[in-house]
Structure formats: C-alpha cells, structure tokens
Protein backbone atom coordinates (compact mmCIF):
# COMPACT_ATOMS: atom_id res chain seq x y z
CA MET A 1 127.60 102.36 89.37
CA THR A 2 124.89 100.44 88.14
CA LYS A 3 121.12 100.93 89.36
CA HIS A 4 121.56 97.02 90.01
CA THR A 5 124.54 96.96 91.96
CA ILE A 6 123.13 99.93 94.17
CA ILE A 7 119.77 98.14 94.98
CA PHE A 8 122.61 94.77 95.79
CA ILE A 9 124.99 96.94 97.83
CA LEU A 10 121.77 98.20 99.43
CA SER A 11 120.00 95.00 99.93
CA LEU A 12 123.41 93.35 101.87
CA ILE A 13 122.95 96.50 104.30
CA ALA A 14 119.20 95.87 105.50
CA THR A 15 119.42 92.50 106.00
CA ALA A 16 122.53 92.97 107.93
CA SER A 17 120.24 95.28 109.86
CA SER A 18 116.76 93.96 110.15
CA ILE A 19 118.74 90.42 111.12
CA THR A 20 120.79 93.13 113.56
CA GLY A 21 117.85 94.92 115.10
CA ASN A 22 116.00 91.80 115.53
CA ILE A 23 118.90 89.88 117.66
CA PHE A 24 119.59 93.39 119.90
CA ILE A 25 115.13 92.57 120.50
CA ASN A 26 115.68 89.53 121.59
CA HIS A 27 118.11 90.68 123.92
CA LYS A 28 115.71 92.90 125.25
CA ARG A 29 117.79 96.17 123.83
CA LYS A 30 115.55 99.08 123.11
CA VAL A 31 118.39 100.23 120.03
CA GLY A 32 116.96 97.29 118.14
CA PHE A 33 113.56 99.35 116.87
CA ILE A 34 115.76 101.33 116.08
CA ILE A 35 118.49 99.84 114.09
CA TRP A 36 115.37 97.79 112.46
CA THR A 37 113.59 101.22 111.91
CA ILE A 38 117.11 102.63 109.40
CA ALA A 39 116.53 98.97 107.92
CA ASN A 40 113.11 99.55 106.83
CA MET A 41 113.86 102.91 105.51
CA LEU A 42 115.98 100.71 103.39
CA TRP A 43 113.36 98.11 101.93
CA ILE A 44 111.14 101.04 101.39
CA LEU A 45 113.79 103.21 99.45
CA ILE A 46 115.29 99.62 98.07
CA ASN A 47 111.66 98.83 96.67
CA CYS A 48 111.33 102.69 95.50
CA ILE A 49 114.03 102.40 93.24
CA GLY A 50 112.55 101.92 88.91
CA ASP A 51 109.64 99.92 90.04
CA VAL A 52 108.24 100.58 92.91
CA ASN A 53 106.96 97.41 94.88
CA TYR A 54 103.63 98.81 96.49
CA PRO A 55 102.99 95.96 99.04
CA GLN A 56 106.15 95.81 100.00
CA VAL A 57 106.42 99.11 100.63
CA CYS A 58 102.70 99.74 102.50
CA MET A 59 104.44 96.17 104.68
CA PHE A 60 108.24 98.12 105.23
CA GLY A 61 106.28 101.12 106.13
CA VAL A 62 103.55 98.89 108.92
CA TYR A 63 106.43 97.60 110.32
CA SER A 64 108.37 100.59 111.01
CA ILE A 65 104.86 102.07 112.97
CA LEU A 66 104.94 99.13 115.07
CA ASN A 67 108.65 99.32 115.84
CA ILE A 68 108.32 102.93 116.41
CA GLN A 69 105.18 101.20 119.24
CA GLY A 70 107.39 98.90 120.33
CA TYR A 71 110.14 101.63 121.13
CA SER A 72 107.64 103.69 122.97
CA LYS A 73 106.03 100.96 124.90
CA TRP A 74 109.24 99.55 126.15
CA SER A 75 110.33 102.78 127.48
CA LYS A 76 106.98 103.49 128.96
CA ASN A 77 107.74 100.17 130.98
CA ASN A 78 110.97 100.69 131.88
CA ASN A 79 109.58 103.81 133.00
CA LYS A 80 107.58 101.84 135.57
CA GLY A 81 110.23 99.80 136.77
CA GLU A 82 108.42 96.66 134.71
CA GLU A 83 111.57 94.37 133.00
CA VAL A 84 111.82 95.15 129.09
C-alpha cells in the first residue's frame, strides 16, 4: 500500500469522523467531542505524514484542546442539572 493510498484512506475516516462528531454535538451529545477529538488526532497524523503541514497540525491541536474544554464544560453544566 502506498503512502498516498494510506493518506487517502485516513482522510476519508477523518472526514467521516469530523462530520459525525459535529452532528452529535448539534444534537447536544457529549460523545461528539470525543469523536471529533479522535478525528482531529487523525488529521494531525495525516498532516505529519510526508511533508509536515505545520499550520494544520497547530489548528487541529487547538481544536482538540477546545473539544476537551467543551466536553469538560458540558460535564460540569450537566452535573448542575442544566441542559446541555
């Protein structure tokens, strides 16, 4: 399997995961943050294979941090009895 094929397959999985995570978040399901964070990690991996795309690695890293922060905030709000 060539590097190009691996990147293509990982990109398909990352795209589907990104969209799925966003859909879950739109339906106020915390699992969306987990799925989206996994997708971001895949995007980081994809952007590190071969020539590193530093701006995208940075962007997806920040998105992952924001997802963790969002998950944590939703968990705290849910413990207070607030709707998420």
